[in-house]
Each structure stands twice: as structure tokens, then as C-alpha cells.
Amino acid sequence: MAFDNDTELVAAARAGSDAAFARLVARHQGVVRGFLRRVLNGDRAEADDVAQEVFLTAWTSLRSLNDAAGVRPWLCGIAWRKARDRMRGRRRAEARDAAWLEASAPPPGVAPEDRMAMETAMTALAPDERACVALCLAEGWSHGEAATALGLPLGTVKSHVGRGRAKLLQALGGSDG
């Protein structure tokens, strides 16, 4: 069965024809992808990912299309909303990353070699010890909070923090007294 226009393709796709929807995609994917590439600053891979999301949304929302002849603007509207969401998500991620970098910066006066020595000493700790030290000593959590978060008994957390602290001090040339 040949379809000559978008209205016929939409009607057939709404009736369950995968082939009709595939023809709609083939007809409009160039416009949608081109639009997304321009909106997303030429990032072809991201534009193609978003285009896939657009056509998946279109397939599941085809019944919401009011004017079957206006499928192209409808698809570009979906594309715009998806691209805008992607750009907002990217901005939020960049802000989160910047905040994390700022928060994780070493305190003033800590030499880079001391920071590297601390990181090396931390990697030498057993994973459970490292997690307890990271939460209790580096993040300032209580032993009880760390025990809850890590699913460990309170006494185990206290032991791990004590042993981990002693190992770090020894590795860094300090004393535990």
C-alpha cells in the first residue's frame, strides 16, 4: 500500500502500521536531525541521540497529533523540547561539576605533593576502611551516619576510622599521638 502524503501515513501509523511510521521517519529525519545539529552546536552524536528520542516520543504520542498534515512542525516541536531539556541538563551537570571541583579543592596552604601523598595513602587502605575514613574524616560525618550509609555495624566503622587514620598518619610521616 503506497501512501502519498503525511496525512495518510499518520492515519496508517495510528492504525498500527510500523511501515507507515518508518516512512514518516524517513521523510522527516533529515529536517529533525539538521535542526537538532544547529540547536546543539553542531554536535552530531548528541543530535542523533536526541533525534532517536524524538521519534520514539512521536511513536508513543502519535495520537496527540491534532493535524496529521502538520507532522513536520509537530516533530520539530518535540525536537526543540528534547534539545532544550538536554541543554538544561548539560548546564546543571556543568554547575554540579564546578561546585564539586570547588568543594574538593585542597585547603589553602596544602602543597600539591602533600595532596598526592594523601590520595596515594587513601588508595592503599582497604575499601571498607577507605569508605569510613572518607565519610568520617574527610566529609565530617558521624560514625553513626557512616554506619547507616555503608550498612556496617557502628563498632566496625569506629575501628575502620581508627585504623585508617593511623595508617594515613604513618604513610604521611606523622604520629598518632
C-alpha atoms as a PDB file:
ATOM      1  CA  MET A   1       0.000   0.000   0.000  1.00  0.00           C
ATOM      2  CA  ALA A   2       1.551   3.295  -1.108  1.00  0.00           C
ATOM      3  CA  PHE A   3       0.971   6.497   0.786  1.00  0.00           C
ATOM      4  CA  ASP A   4       1.306   9.818  -0.963  1.00  0.00           C
ATOM      5  CA  ASN A   5       1.192  12.237   1.944  1.00  0.00           C
ATOM      6  CA  ASP A   6       1.796  12.654   5.662  1.00  0.00           C
ATOM      7  CA  THR A   7      -1.921  12.550   6.473  1.00  0.00           C
ATOM      8  CA  GLU A   8      -2.236   9.039   5.030  1.00  0.00           C
ATOM      9  CA  LEU A   9       0.995   7.919   6.712  1.00  0.00           C
ATOM     10  CA  VAL A  10      -0.137   9.240  10.092  1.00  0.00           C
ATOM     11  CA  ALA A  11      -3.522   7.516   9.747  1.00  0.00           C
ATOM     12  CA  ALA A  12      -1.848   4.216   8.874  1.00  0.00           C
ATOM     13  CA  ALA A  13       0.704   4.585  11.687  1.00  0.00           C
ATOM     14  CA  ARG A  14      -2.082   5.322  14.169  1.00  0.00           C
ATOM     15  CA  ALA A  15      -3.749   2.126  12.948  1.00  0.00           C
ATOM     16  CA  GLY A  16      -0.579   0.260  13.905  1.00  0.00           C
ATOM     17  CA  SER A  17       1.469   0.243  10.706  1.00  0.00           C
ATOM     18  CA  ASP A  18       5.158   0.178  11.567  1.00  0.00           C
ATOM     19  CA  ALA A  19       5.960   0.598   7.878  1.00  0.00           C
ATOM     20  CA  ALA A  20       3.940   3.818   7.676  1.00  0.00           C
ATOM     21  CA  PHE A  21       5.715   5.241  10.717  1.00  0.00           C
ATOM     22  CA  ALA A  22       9.075   4.207   9.241  1.00  0.00           C
ATOM     23  CA  ARG A  23       8.165   6.185   6.102  1.00  0.00           C
ATOM     24  CA  LEU A  24       7.306   9.210   8.262  1.00  0.00           C
ATOM     25  CA  VAL A  25      10.681   8.913   9.955  1.00  0.00           C
ATOM     26  CA  ALA A  26      12.460   8.563   6.611  1.00  0.00           C
ATOM     27  CA  ARG A  27      10.642  11.633   5.277  1.00  0.00           C
ATOM     28  CA  HIS A  28      11.362  13.892   8.232  1.00  0.00           C
ATOM     29  CA  GLN A  29      14.539  12.656   9.912  1.00  0.00           C
ATOM     30  CA  GLY A  30      16.781  14.906   7.799  1.00  0.00           C
ATOM     31  CA  VAL A  31      14.905  18.024   8.878  1.00  0.00           C
ATOM     32  CA  VAL A  32      14.792  16.932  12.525  1.00  0.00           C
ATOM     33  CA  ARG A  33      18.474  15.948  12.642  1.00  0.00           C
ATOM     34  CA  GLY A  34      19.559  19.119  10.828  1.00  0.00           C
ATOM     35  CA  PHE A  35      17.538  21.266  13.220  1.00  0.00           C
ATOM     36  CA  LEU A  36      18.991  19.466  16.242  1.00  0.00           C
ATOM     37  CA  ARG A  37      22.565  19.768  14.962  1.00  0.00           C
ATOM     38  CA  ARG A  38      22.174  23.512  14.640  1.00  0.00           C
ATOM     39  CA  VAL A  39      20.475  23.895  18.007  1.00  0.00           C
ATOM     40  CA  LEU A  40      23.007  21.636  19.767  1.00  0.00           C
ATOM     41  CA  ASN A  41      26.028  23.499  18.354  1.00  0.00           C
ATOM     42  CA  GLY A  42      26.914  21.004  15.667  1.00  0.00           C
ATOM     43  CA  ASP A  43      27.308  18.008  17.974  1.00  0.00           C
ATOM     44  CA  ARG A  44      26.285  15.276  15.528  1.00  0.00           C
ATOM     45  CA  ALA A  45      26.327  12.413  18.020  1.00  0.00           C
ATOM     46  CA  GLU A  46      24.188  14.267  20.538  1.00  0.00           C
ATOM     47  CA  ALA A  47      21.827  15.449  17.791  1.00  0.00           C
ATOM     48  CA  ASP A  48      21.412  11.883  16.551  1.00  0.00           C
ATOM     49  CA  ASP A  49      20.739  10.656  20.111  1.00  0.00           C
ATOM     50  CA  VAL A  50      18.112  13.330  20.641  1.00  0.00           C
ATOM     51  CA  ALA A  51      16.579  12.593  17.215  1.00  0.00           C
ATOM     52  CA  GLN A  52      16.097   8.979  18.282  1.00  0.00           C
ATOM     53  CA  GLU A  53      14.341  10.208  21.424  1.00  0.00           C
ATOM     54  CA  VAL A  54      12.164  12.471  19.254  1.00  0.00           C
ATOM     55  CA  PHE A  55      10.988   9.634  17.036  1.00  0.00           C
ATOM     56  CA  LEU A  56      10.394   7.332  19.996  1.00  0.00           C
ATOM     57  CA  THR A  57       8.285  10.036  21.627  1.00  0.00           C
ATOM     58  CA  ALA A  58       6.475  10.644  18.338  1.00  0.00           C
ATOM     59  CA  TRP A  59       5.640   6.950  18.005  1.00  0.00           C
ATOM     60  CA  THR A  60       4.217   6.781  21.520  1.00  0.00           C
ATOM     61  CA  SER A  61       2.414  10.150  21.204  1.00  0.00           C
ATOM     62  CA  LEU A  62       1.095   9.914  17.673  1.00  0.00           C
ATOM     63  CA  ARG A  63      -2.497  10.108  18.889  1.00  0.00           C
ATOM     64  CA  SER A  64      -1.816  13.574  20.357  1.00  0.00           C
ATOM     65  CA  LEU A  65      -1.030  14.986  16.906  1.00  0.00           C
ATOM     66  CA  ASN A  66      -4.030  17.211  16.105  1.00  0.00           C
ATOM     67  CA  ASP A  67      -3.286  17.978  12.460  1.00  0.00           C
ATOM     68  CA  ALA A  68      -1.834  14.999  10.608  1.00  0.00           C
ATOM     69  CA  ALA A  69      -0.743  17.270   7.771  1.00  0.00           C
ATOM     70  CA  GLY A  70       1.407  19.199  10.287  1.00  0.00           C
ATOM     71  CA  VAL A  71       3.591  16.271  11.291  1.00  0.00           C
ATOM     72  CA  ARG A  72       6.853  18.070  10.415  1.00  0.00           C
ATOM     73  CA  PRO A  73       6.285  21.079  12.715  1.00  0.00           C
ATOM     74  CA  TRP A  74       4.995  18.697  15.392  1.00  0.00           C
ATOM     75  CA  LEU A  75       8.206  16.641  15.166  1.00  0.00           C
ATOM     76  CA  CYS A  76      10.356  19.780  15.282  1.00  0.00           C
ATOM     77  CA  GLY A  77       8.397  20.929  18.356  1.00  0.00           C
ATOM     78  CA  ILE A  78       9.200  17.643  20.077  1.00  0.00           C
ATOM     79  CA  ALA A  79      12.824  18.044  18.950  1.00  0.00           C
ATOM     80  CA  TRP A  80      13.009  21.551  20.391  1.00  0.00           C
ATOM     81  CA  ARG A  81      11.660  20.427  23.769  1.00  0.00           C
ATOM     82  CA  LYS A  82      14.059  17.458  23.882  1.00  0.00           C
ATOM     83  CA  ALA A  83      17.026  19.661  22.876  1.00  0.00           C
ATOM     84  CA  ARG A  84      16.090  22.287  25.468  1.00  0.00           C
ATOM     85  CA  ASP A  85      15.907  19.582  28.144  1.00  0.00           C
ATOM     86  CA  ARG A  86      19.299  18.249  27.041  1.00  0.00           C
ATOM     87  CA  MET A  87      20.863  21.746  27.175  1.00  0.00           C
ATOM     88  CA  ARG A  88      19.376  22.393  30.628  1.00  0.00           C
ATOM     89  CA  GLY A  89      20.709  19.043  31.822  1.00  0.00           C
ATOM     90  CA  ARG A  90      24.150  19.887  30.454  1.00  0.00           C
ATOM     91  CA  ARG A  91      24.130  23.257  32.264  1.00  0.00           C
ATOM     92  CA  ARG A  92      23.066  21.587  35.520  1.00  0.00           C
ATOM     93  CA  ALA A  93      25.813  18.973  35.142  1.00  0.00           C
ATOM     94  CA  GLU A  94      28.414  21.659  34.451  1.00  0.00           C
ATOM     95  CA  ALA A  95      27.288  23.613  37.531  1.00  0.00           C
ATOM     96  CA  ARG A  96      27.403  20.440  39.636  1.00  0.00           C
ATOM     97  CA  ASP A  97      30.888  19.615  38.338  1.00  0.00           C
ATOM     98  CA  ALA A  98      32.127  23.149  39.028  1.00  0.00           C
ATOM     99  CA  ALA A  99      30.688  23.062  42.555  1.00  0.00           C
ATOM    100  CA  TRP A 100      32.288  19.687  43.176  1.00  0.00           C
ATOM    101  CA  LEU A 101      35.671  20.888  41.916  1.00  0.00           C
ATOM    102  CA  GLU A 102      35.436  23.963  44.114  1.00  0.00           C
ATOM    103  CA  ALA A 103      34.436  21.910  47.163  1.00  0.00           C
ATOM    104  CA  SER A 104      37.101  19.298  46.562  1.00  0.00           C
ATOM    105  CA  ALA A 105      39.905  21.815  46.153  1.00  0.00           C
ATOM    106  CA  PRO A 106      42.578  21.353  48.783  1.00  0.00           C
ATOM    107  CA  PRO A 107      42.561  23.868  51.602  1.00  0.00           C
ATOM    108  CA  PRO A 108      44.880  26.836  51.152  1.00  0.00           C
ATOM    109  CA  GLY A 109      48.426  26.007  52.108  1.00  0.00           C
ATOM    110  CA  VAL A 110      48.285  22.298  51.194  1.00  0.00           C
ATOM    111  CA  ALA A 111      51.112  21.577  48.807  1.00  0.00           C
ATOM    112  CA  PRO A 112      50.266  19.519  45.700  1.00  0.00           C
ATOM    113  CA  GLU A 113      52.758  16.827  46.741  1.00  0.00           C
ATOM    114  CA  ASP A 114      51.010  16.504  50.138  1.00  0.00           C
ATOM    115  CA  ARG A 115      47.649  16.145  48.417  1.00  0.00           C
ATOM    116  CA  MET A 116      49.069  13.484  46.091  1.00  0.00           C
ATOM    117  CA  ALA A 117      50.633  11.649  49.034  1.00  0.00           C
ATOM    118  CA  MET A 118      47.244  11.660  50.806  1.00  0.00           C
ATOM    119  CA  GLU A 119      45.494  10.308  47.705  1.00  0.00           C
ATOM    120  CA  THR A 120      48.118   7.563  47.381  1.00  0.00           C
ATOM    121  CA  ALA A 121      47.789   6.688  51.072  1.00  0.00           C
ATOM    122  CA  MET A 122      43.992   6.547  50.737  1.00  0.00           C
ATOM    123  CA  THR A 123      44.201   4.099  47.828  1.00  0.00           C
ATOM    124  CA  ALA A 124      46.348   1.819  49.996  1.00  0.00           C
ATOM    125  CA  LEU A 125      43.501   1.431  52.519  1.00  0.00           C
ATOM    126  CA  ALA A 126      41.085  -1.476  52.255  1.00  0.00           C
ATOM    127  CA  PRO A 127      37.834  -0.420  50.524  1.00  0.00           C
ATOM    128  CA  ASP A 128      35.737  -0.503  53.735  1.00  0.00           C
ATOM    129  CA  GLU A 129      38.381   1.467  55.649  1.00  0.00           C
ATOM    130  CA  ARG A 130      38.664   3.967  52.818  1.00  0.00           C
ATOM    131  CA  ALA A 131      34.891   4.492  52.754  1.00  0.00           C
ATOM    132  CA  CYS A 132      34.750   5.017  56.526  1.00  0.00           C
ATOM    133  CA  VAL A 133      37.709   7.419  56.500  1.00  0.00           C
ATOM    134  CA  ALA A 134      36.273   9.328  53.539  1.00  0.00           C
ATOM    135  CA  LEU A 135      32.912   9.818  55.238  1.00  0.00           C
ATOM    136  CA  CYS A 136      34.003  10.393  58.822  1.00  0.00           C
ATOM    137  CA  LEU A 137      37.307  12.224  58.450  1.00  0.00           C
ATOM    138  CA  ALA A 138      37.061  13.890  55.053  1.00  0.00           C
ATOM    139  CA  GLU A 139      33.315  14.657  54.988  1.00  0.00           C
ATOM    140  CA  GLY A 140      32.786  15.122  58.727  1.00  0.00           C
ATOM    141  CA  TRP A 141      30.061  12.505  59.124  1.00  0.00           C
ATOM    142  CA  SER A 142      29.373  10.924  62.494  1.00  0.00           C
ATOM    143  CA  HIS A 143      30.259   7.271  62.962  1.00  0.00           C
ATOM    144  CA  GLY A 144      26.528   6.507  63.191  1.00  0.00           C
ATOM    145  CA  GLU A 145      25.762   8.242  59.888  1.00  0.00           C
ATOM    146  CA  ALA A 146      28.575   6.374  58.164  1.00  0.00           C
ATOM    147  CA  ALA A 147      27.406   3.064  59.638  1.00  0.00           C
ATOM    148  CA  THR A 148      23.912   3.673  58.282  1.00  0.00           C
ATOM    149  CA  ALA A 149      25.122   4.767  54.845  1.00  0.00           C
ATOM    150  CA  LEU A 150      27.592   1.896  54.458  1.00  0.00           C
ATOM    151  CA  GLY A 151      25.457  -0.786  56.073  1.00  0.00           C
ATOM    152  CA  LEU A 152      28.193  -1.608  58.600  1.00  0.00           C
ATOM    153  CA  PRO A 153      27.970  -2.086  62.367  1.00  0.00           C
ATOM    154  CA  LEU A 154      28.851   1.041  64.363  1.00  0.00           C
ATOM    155  CA  GLY A 155      31.807  -0.661  66.057  1.00  0.00           C
ATOM    156  CA  THR A 156      33.223  -1.700  62.686  1.00  0.00           C
ATOM    157  CA  VAL A 157      33.032   1.878  61.409  1.00  0.00           C
ATOM    158  CA  LYS A 158      34.804   3.151  64.521  1.00  0.00           C
ATOM    159  CA  SER A 159      37.529   0.507  64.105  1.00  0.00           C
ATOM    160  CA  HIS A 160      37.963   1.260  60.406  1.00  0.00           C
ATOM    161  CA  VAL A 161      38.244   5.000  61.071  1.00  0.00           C
ATOM    162  CA  GLY A 162      40.807   4.474  63.834  1.00  0.00           C
ATOM    163  CA  ARG A 163      42.922   2.027  61.836  1.00  0.00           C
ATOM    164  CA  GLY A 164      42.595   4.068  58.649  1.00  0.00           C
ATOM    165  CA  ARG A 165      43.637   7.257  60.423  1.00  0.00           C
ATOM    166  CA  ALA A 166      46.666   5.525  61.919  1.00  0.00           C
ATOM    167  CA  LYS A 167      47.682   4.107  58.521  1.00  0.00           C
ATOM    168  CA  LEU A 168      47.318   7.501  56.863  1.00  0.00           C
ATOM    169  CA  LEU A 169      49.392   9.217  59.522  1.00  0.00           C
ATOM    170  CA  GLN A 170      52.070   6.542  59.241  1.00  0.00           C
ATOM    171  CA  ALA A 171      52.108   6.789  55.443  1.00  0.00           C
ATOM    172  CA  LEU A 172      52.379  10.568  55.630  1.00  0.00           C
ATOM    173  CA  GLY A 173      55.143  10.527  58.216  1.00  0.00           C
ATOM    174  CA  GLY A 174      53.056  11.828  61.103  1.00  0.00           C
ATOM    175  CA  SER A 175      52.464  10.402  64.566  1.00  0.00           C
ATOM    176  CA  ASP A 176      49.234   9.213  66.120  1.00  0.00           C
ATOM    177  CA  GLY A 177      49.744  10.724  69.474  1.00  0.00           C
END
